[in-house]
């Protein structure tokens, strides 16, 4: 790789690493996995930096790689949990997610189906336009609108049940669609 390309990648990394890790966290709900997922996505970006850079939207490309990596991680986690349950381990050995007294936004996000979660997080937490979300996730703009709308409704319902929406001032944001 040429020195100018390496410098461009390093600048990209420095500028976007934190946001990509935050995106991974909001998709997976796991802070430890988020750092690994962001690192894996950035390694993949590094491996294909010339192609990524030539797209004209390296951040959009990186978000797509990250979303795919996070989706794969979630599938593996689900398979591992199912494997533990099938092996009939006692409930003492299997520790499911903690159920807090008050449902917070992260817990509510984890309850959304993955596509809805990705769309809601990209649209609301990262303010990514619908067209770009569609490109990142490889789905149509209509699907983004549908997933975002349904995800925001579901999130608002979950937060209302927990009494969290009004406390956090999220209701106007979720109903602003």
C-alpha atoms as a PDB file:
ATOM      1  CA  UNK A   1       0.000   0.000   0.000  1.00  0.00           C
ATOM      2  CA  UNK A   2       1.255   3.454  -0.862  1.00  0.00           C
ATOM      3  CA  UNK A   3       2.089   5.966   1.858  1.00  0.00           C
ATOM      4  CA  UNK A   4      -0.774   8.309   0.834  1.00  0.00           C
ATOM      5  CA  UNK A   5      -3.292   5.461   1.011  1.00  0.00           C
ATOM      6  CA  UNK A   6      -1.972   4.391   4.387  1.00  0.00           C
ATOM      7  CA  UNK A   7      -2.225   7.961   5.674  1.00  0.00           C
ATOM      8  CA  UNK A   8      -5.792   8.223   4.340  1.00  0.00           C
ATOM      9  CA  UNK A   9      -6.745   4.985   6.109  1.00  0.00           C
ATOM     10  CA  UNK A  10      -5.137   6.107   9.365  1.00  0.00           C
ATOM     11  CA  UNK A  11      -7.092   9.380   9.196  1.00  0.00           C
ATOM     12  CA  UNK A  12     -10.295   7.431   8.461  1.00  0.00           C
ATOM     13  CA  UNK A  13      -9.595   5.107  11.399  1.00  0.00           C
ATOM     14  CA  UNK A  14      -8.904   7.973  13.800  1.00  0.00           C
ATOM     15  CA  UNK A  15     -12.026   9.851  12.702  1.00  0.00           C
ATOM     16  CA  UNK A  16     -14.510   6.947  12.721  1.00  0.00           C
ATOM     17  CA  UNK A  17     -13.321   4.207  15.088  1.00  0.00           C
ATOM     18  CA  UNK A  18     -15.280   5.484  18.096  1.00  0.00           C
ATOM     19  CA  UNK A  19     -18.540   5.905  16.149  1.00  0.00           C
ATOM     20  CA  UNK A  20     -18.193   2.457  14.589  1.00  0.00           C
ATOM     21  CA  UNK A  21     -17.639   0.904  18.030  1.00  0.00           C
ATOM     22  CA  UNK A  22     -20.693   2.777  19.330  1.00  0.00           C
ATOM     23  CA  UNK A  23     -22.752   1.522  16.379  1.00  0.00           C
ATOM     24  CA  UNK A  24     -21.619  -2.045  17.115  1.00  0.00           C
ATOM     25  CA  UNK A  25     -22.575  -1.598  20.755  1.00  0.00           C
ATOM     26  CA  UNK A  26     -26.026  -0.309  19.907  1.00  0.00           C
ATOM     27  CA  UNK A  27     -26.615  -3.181  17.479  1.00  0.00           C
ATOM     28  CA  UNK A  28     -25.322  -5.948  19.756  1.00  0.00           C
ATOM     29  CA  UNK A  29     -25.901  -4.496  23.214  1.00  0.00           C
ATOM     30  CA  UNK A  30     -22.556  -5.952  24.304  1.00  0.00           C
ATOM     31  CA  UNK A  31     -19.760  -3.453  25.017  1.00  0.00           C
ATOM     32  CA  UNK A  32     -17.034  -6.107  24.930  1.00  0.00           C
ATOM     33  CA  UNK A  33     -18.170  -7.520  21.613  1.00  0.00           C
ATOM     34  CA  UNK A  34     -18.602  -4.010  20.187  1.00  0.00           C
ATOM     35  CA  UNK A  35     -14.904  -3.241  20.403  1.00  0.00           C
ATOM     36  CA  UNK A  36     -14.023  -6.555  18.747  1.00  0.00           C
ATOM     37  CA  UNK A  37     -16.639  -6.130  16.020  1.00  0.00           C
ATOM     38  CA  UNK A  38     -15.433  -2.607  15.248  1.00  0.00           C
ATOM     39  CA  UNK A  39     -11.851  -3.862  15.114  1.00  0.00           C
ATOM     40  CA  UNK A  40     -12.811  -6.741  12.808  1.00  0.00           C
ATOM     41  CA  UNK A  41     -14.712  -4.382  10.511  1.00  0.00           C
ATOM     42  CA  UNK A  42     -11.798  -1.951  10.388  1.00  0.00           C
ATOM     43  CA  UNK A  43      -9.362  -4.771   9.576  1.00  0.00           C
ATOM     44  CA  UNK A  44     -11.643  -5.755   6.701  1.00  0.00           C
ATOM     45  CA  UNK A  45     -11.743  -2.125   5.544  1.00  0.00           C
ATOM     46  CA  UNK A  46      -7.939  -1.996   5.719  1.00  0.00           C
ATOM     47  CA  UNK A  47      -7.638  -5.158   3.607  1.00  0.00           C
ATOM     48  CA  UNK A  48      -9.775  -3.589   0.872  1.00  0.00           C
ATOM     49  CA  UNK A  49      -8.928   0.075   1.427  1.00  0.00           C
ATOM     50  CA  UNK A  50      -8.403   0.934  -2.272  1.00  0.00           C
ATOM     51  CA  UNK A  51     -11.804  -0.420  -3.210  1.00  0.00           C
ATOM     52  CA  UNK A  52     -13.473   1.122  -0.141  1.00  0.00           C
ATOM     53  CA  UNK A  53     -11.920   4.504  -0.805  1.00  0.00           C
ATOM     54  CA  UNK A  54     -12.995   4.408  -4.455  1.00  0.00           C
ATOM     55  CA  UNK A  55     -16.668   4.012  -3.469  1.00  0.00           C
ATOM     56  CA  UNK A  56     -16.814   7.702  -2.581  1.00  0.00           C
ATOM     57  CA  UNK A  57     -18.443   6.832   0.756  1.00  0.00           C
ATOM     58  CA  UNK A  58     -15.965   4.871   2.879  1.00  0.00           C
ATOM     59  CA  UNK A  59     -17.960   5.494   6.058  1.00  0.00           C
ATOM     60  CA  UNK A  60     -21.118   4.045   4.516  1.00  0.00           C
ATOM     61  CA  UNK A  61     -19.143   1.040   3.329  1.00  0.00           C
ATOM     62  CA  UNK A  62     -17.606   0.635   6.795  1.00  0.00           C
ATOM     63  CA  UNK A  63     -21.026   0.799   8.434  1.00  0.00           C
ATOM     64  CA  UNK A  64     -22.228  -1.926   6.092  1.00  0.00           C
ATOM     65  CA  UNK A  65     -19.259  -4.145   6.902  1.00  0.00           C
ATOM     66  CA  UNK A  66     -19.806  -3.493  10.593  1.00  0.00           C
ATOM     67  CA  UNK A  67     -23.532  -4.279  10.397  1.00  0.00           C
ATOM     68  CA  UNK A  68     -22.776  -7.575   8.633  1.00  0.00           C
ATOM     69  CA  UNK A  69     -20.079  -8.430  11.184  1.00  0.00           C
ATOM     70  CA  UNK A  70     -22.438  -7.612  14.076  1.00  0.00           C
ATOM     71  CA  UNK A  71     -25.202  -9.696  12.499  1.00  0.00           C
ATOM     72  CA  UNK A  72     -22.814 -12.656  12.265  1.00  0.00           C
ATOM     73  CA  UNK A  73     -21.806 -12.195  15.902  1.00  0.00           C
ATOM     74  CA  UNK A  74     -25.458 -12.150  16.986  1.00  0.00           C
ATOM     75  CA  UNK A  75     -26.154 -15.347  15.045  1.00  0.00           C
ATOM     76  CA  UNK A  76     -23.172 -17.073  16.682  1.00  0.00           C
ATOM     77  CA  UNK A  77     -24.288 -15.893  20.129  1.00  0.00           C
ATOM     78  CA  UNK A  78     -27.812 -17.187  19.505  1.00  0.00           C
ATOM     79  CA  UNK A  79     -26.467 -20.571  18.380  1.00  0.00           C
ATOM     80  CA  UNK A  80     -24.225 -20.783  21.440  1.00  0.00           C
ATOM     81  CA  UNK A  81     -27.122 -19.956  23.776  1.00  0.00           C
ATOM     82  CA  UNK A  82     -29.334 -22.529  22.094  1.00  0.00           C
ATOM     83  CA  UNK A  83     -26.544 -25.068  22.393  1.00  0.00           C
ATOM     84  CA  UNK A  84     -26.268 -24.373  26.112  1.00  0.00           C
ATOM     85  CA  UNK A  85     -30.002 -24.724  26.561  1.00  0.00           C
ATOM     86  CA  UNK A  86     -30.126 -27.922  24.540  1.00  0.00           C
ATOM     87  CA  UNK A  87     -27.335 -29.453  26.579  1.00  0.00           C
ATOM     88  CA  UNK A  88     -29.678 -29.053  29.557  1.00  0.00           C
ATOM     89  CA  UNK A  89     -27.283 -27.102  31.702  1.00  0.00           C
ATOM     90  CA  UNK A  90     -28.855 -25.963  34.931  1.00  0.00           C
ATOM     91  CA  UNK A  91     -30.095 -22.400  35.189  1.00  0.00           C
ATOM     92  CA  UNK A  92     -27.274 -21.761  37.679  1.00  0.00           C
ATOM     93  CA  UNK A  93     -24.734 -22.488  34.981  1.00  0.00           C
ATOM     94  CA  UNK A  94     -26.500 -20.497  32.272  1.00  0.00           C
ATOM     95  CA  UNK A  95     -26.821 -16.849  33.079  1.00  0.00           C
ATOM     96  CA  UNK A  96     -29.299 -15.167  30.804  1.00  0.00           C
ATOM     97  CA  UNK A  97     -29.563 -11.442  30.501  1.00  0.00           C
ATOM     98  CA  UNK A  98     -30.256  -9.590  33.720  1.00  0.00           C
ATOM     99  CA  UNK A  99     -33.774  -8.217  33.955  1.00  0.00           C
ATOM    100  CA  UNK A 100     -33.389  -4.780  35.552  1.00  0.00           C
ATOM    101  CA  UNK A 101     -36.164  -3.185  37.564  1.00  0.00           C
ATOM    102  CA  UNK A 102     -36.404  -0.431  34.972  1.00  0.00           C
ATOM    103  CA  UNK A 103     -36.080  -1.201  31.285  1.00  0.00           C
ATOM    104  CA  UNK A 104     -33.490   1.095  29.734  1.00  0.00           C
ATOM    105  CA  UNK A 105     -32.973   1.992  26.103  1.00  0.00           C
ATOM    106  CA  UNK A 106     -30.211  -0.561  25.550  1.00  0.00           C
ATOM    107  CA  UNK A 107     -32.374  -3.384  26.870  1.00  0.00           C
ATOM    108  CA  UNK A 108     -35.272  -2.223  24.699  1.00  0.00           C
ATOM    109  CA  UNK A 109     -33.013  -2.069  21.646  1.00  0.00           C
ATOM    110  CA  UNK A 110     -31.890  -5.635  22.276  1.00  0.00           C
ATOM    111  CA  UNK A 111     -35.538  -6.719  22.106  1.00  0.00           C
ATOM    112  CA  UNK A 112     -35.997  -5.344  18.595  1.00  0.00           C
ATOM    113  CA  UNK A 113     -35.459  -7.682  15.639  1.00  0.00           C
ATOM    114  CA  UNK A 114     -32.005  -7.112  14.157  1.00  0.00           C
ATOM    115  CA  UNK A 115     -33.118  -5.262  10.990  1.00  0.00           C
ATOM    116  CA  UNK A 116     -35.365  -2.929  12.973  1.00  0.00           C
ATOM    117  CA  UNK A 117     -32.589  -2.348  15.474  1.00  0.00           C
ATOM    118  CA  UNK A 118     -30.061  -1.583  12.734  1.00  0.00           C
ATOM    119  CA  UNK A 119     -32.424   0.844  11.015  1.00  0.00           C
ATOM    120  CA  UNK A 120     -33.466   2.608  14.224  1.00  0.00           C
ATOM    121  CA  UNK A 121     -29.866   2.936  15.431  1.00  0.00           C
ATOM    122  CA  UNK A 122     -28.540   4.184  12.096  1.00  0.00           C
ATOM    123  CA  UNK A 123     -31.436   6.625  11.571  1.00  0.00           C
ATOM    124  CA  UNK A 124     -31.818   7.993  15.113  1.00  0.00           C
ATOM    125  CA  UNK A 125     -28.478   7.485  16.877  1.00  0.00           C
ATOM    126  CA  UNK A 126     -26.286   8.243  13.850  1.00  0.00           C
ATOM    127  CA  UNK A 127     -28.694  10.390  11.796  1.00  0.00           C
ATOM    128  CA  UNK A 128     -27.907   8.465   8.595  1.00  0.00           C
ATOM    129  CA  UNK A 129     -30.260   9.279   5.693  1.00  0.00           C
ATOM    130  CA  UNK A 130     -32.654   6.527   4.616  1.00  0.00           C
ATOM    131  CA  UNK A 131     -30.983   6.106   1.245  1.00  0.00           C
ATOM    132  CA  UNK A 132     -27.604   5.567   2.872  1.00  0.00           C
ATOM    133  CA  UNK A 133     -29.060   3.127   5.432  1.00  0.00           C
ATOM    134  CA  UNK A 134     -30.502   1.173   2.499  1.00  0.00           C
ATOM    135  CA  UNK A 135     -27.083   1.041   0.844  1.00  0.00           C
ATOM    136  CA  UNK A 136     -25.332   0.081   4.093  1.00  0.00           C
ATOM    137  CA  UNK A 137     -27.729  -2.774   4.840  1.00  0.00           C
ATOM    138  CA  UNK A 138     -28.309  -3.855   1.240  1.00  0.00           C
ATOM    139  CA  UNK A 139     -32.077  -3.348   1.389  1.00  0.00           C
ATOM    140  CA  UNK A 140     -34.527  -1.003  -0.333  1.00  0.00           C
ATOM    141  CA  UNK A 141     -35.357   2.489   0.917  1.00  0.00           C
ATOM    142  CA  UNK A 142     -38.941   1.283   1.433  1.00  0.00           C
ATOM    143  CA  UNK A 143     -37.692  -1.530   3.649  1.00  0.00           C
ATOM    144  CA  UNK A 144     -35.635   0.985   5.643  1.00  0.00           C
ATOM    145  CA  UNK A 145     -38.730   3.156   6.116  1.00  0.00           C
ATOM    146  CA  UNK A 146     -40.794   0.152   7.180  1.00  0.00           C
ATOM    147  CA  UNK A 147     -38.179  -1.259   9.579  1.00  0.00           C
ATOM    148  CA  UNK A 148     -37.482   2.179  11.052  1.00  0.00           C
ATOM    149  CA  UNK A 149     -41.162   2.960  11.557  1.00  0.00           C
ATOM    150  CA  UNK A 150     -41.996  -0.407  13.078  1.00  0.00           C
ATOM    151  CA  UNK A 151     -38.819  -0.391  15.149  1.00  0.00           C
ATOM    152  CA  UNK A 152     -39.504   3.091  16.527  1.00  0.00           C
ATOM    153  CA  UNK A 153     -43.083   2.092  17.371  1.00  0.00           C
ATOM    154  CA  UNK A 154     -41.924  -1.088  19.080  1.00  0.00           C
ATOM    155  CA  UNK A 155     -39.180   0.772  20.940  1.00  0.00           C
ATOM    156  CA  UNK A 156     -41.648   3.447  22.113  1.00  0.00           C
ATOM    157  CA  UNK A 157     -44.039   0.721  23.321  1.00  0.00           C
ATOM    158  CA  UNK A 158     -41.295  -1.074  25.235  1.00  0.00           C
ATOM    159  CA  UNK A 159     -40.093   2.155  26.809  1.00  0.00           C
ATOM    160  CA  UNK A 160     -43.634   3.262  27.684  1.00  0.00           C
ATOM    161  CA  UNK A 161     -44.224  -0.033  29.493  1.00  0.00           C
ATOM    162  CA  UNK A 162     -41.062   0.565  31.472  1.00  0.00           C
ATOM    163  CA  UNK A 163     -41.939   4.196  32.115  1.00  0.00           C
ATOM    164  CA  UNK A 164     -38.664   5.242  30.494  1.00  0.00           C
ATOM    165  CA  UNK A 165     -39.836   7.290  27.482  1.00  0.00           C
ATOM    166  CA  UNK A 166     -40.972  10.344  29.395  1.00  0.00           C
ATOM    167  CA  UNK A 167     -37.962  10.255  31.737  1.00  0.00           C
ATOM    168  CA  UNK A 168     -35.519  10.328  28.827  1.00  0.00           C
ATOM    169  CA  UNK A 169     -37.512  12.661  26.608  1.00  0.00           C
ATOM    170  CA  UNK A 170     -37.512  10.100  23.790  1.00  0.00           C
ATOM    171  CA  UNK A 171     -41.195  10.191  22.930  1.00  0.00           C
ATOM    172  CA  UNK A 172     -40.950  13.320  20.760  1.00  0.00           C
ATOM    173  CA  UNK A 173     -37.976  11.809  18.909  1.00  0.00           C
ATOM    174  CA  UNK A 174     -39.694   8.487  18.276  1.00  0.00           C
ATOM    175  CA  UNK A 175     -42.988  10.083  17.257  1.00  0.00           C
ATOM    176  CA  UNK A 176     -41.321  12.740  15.064  1.00  0.00           C
ATOM    177  CA  UNK A 177     -41.042  10.333  12.146  1.00  0.00           C
END
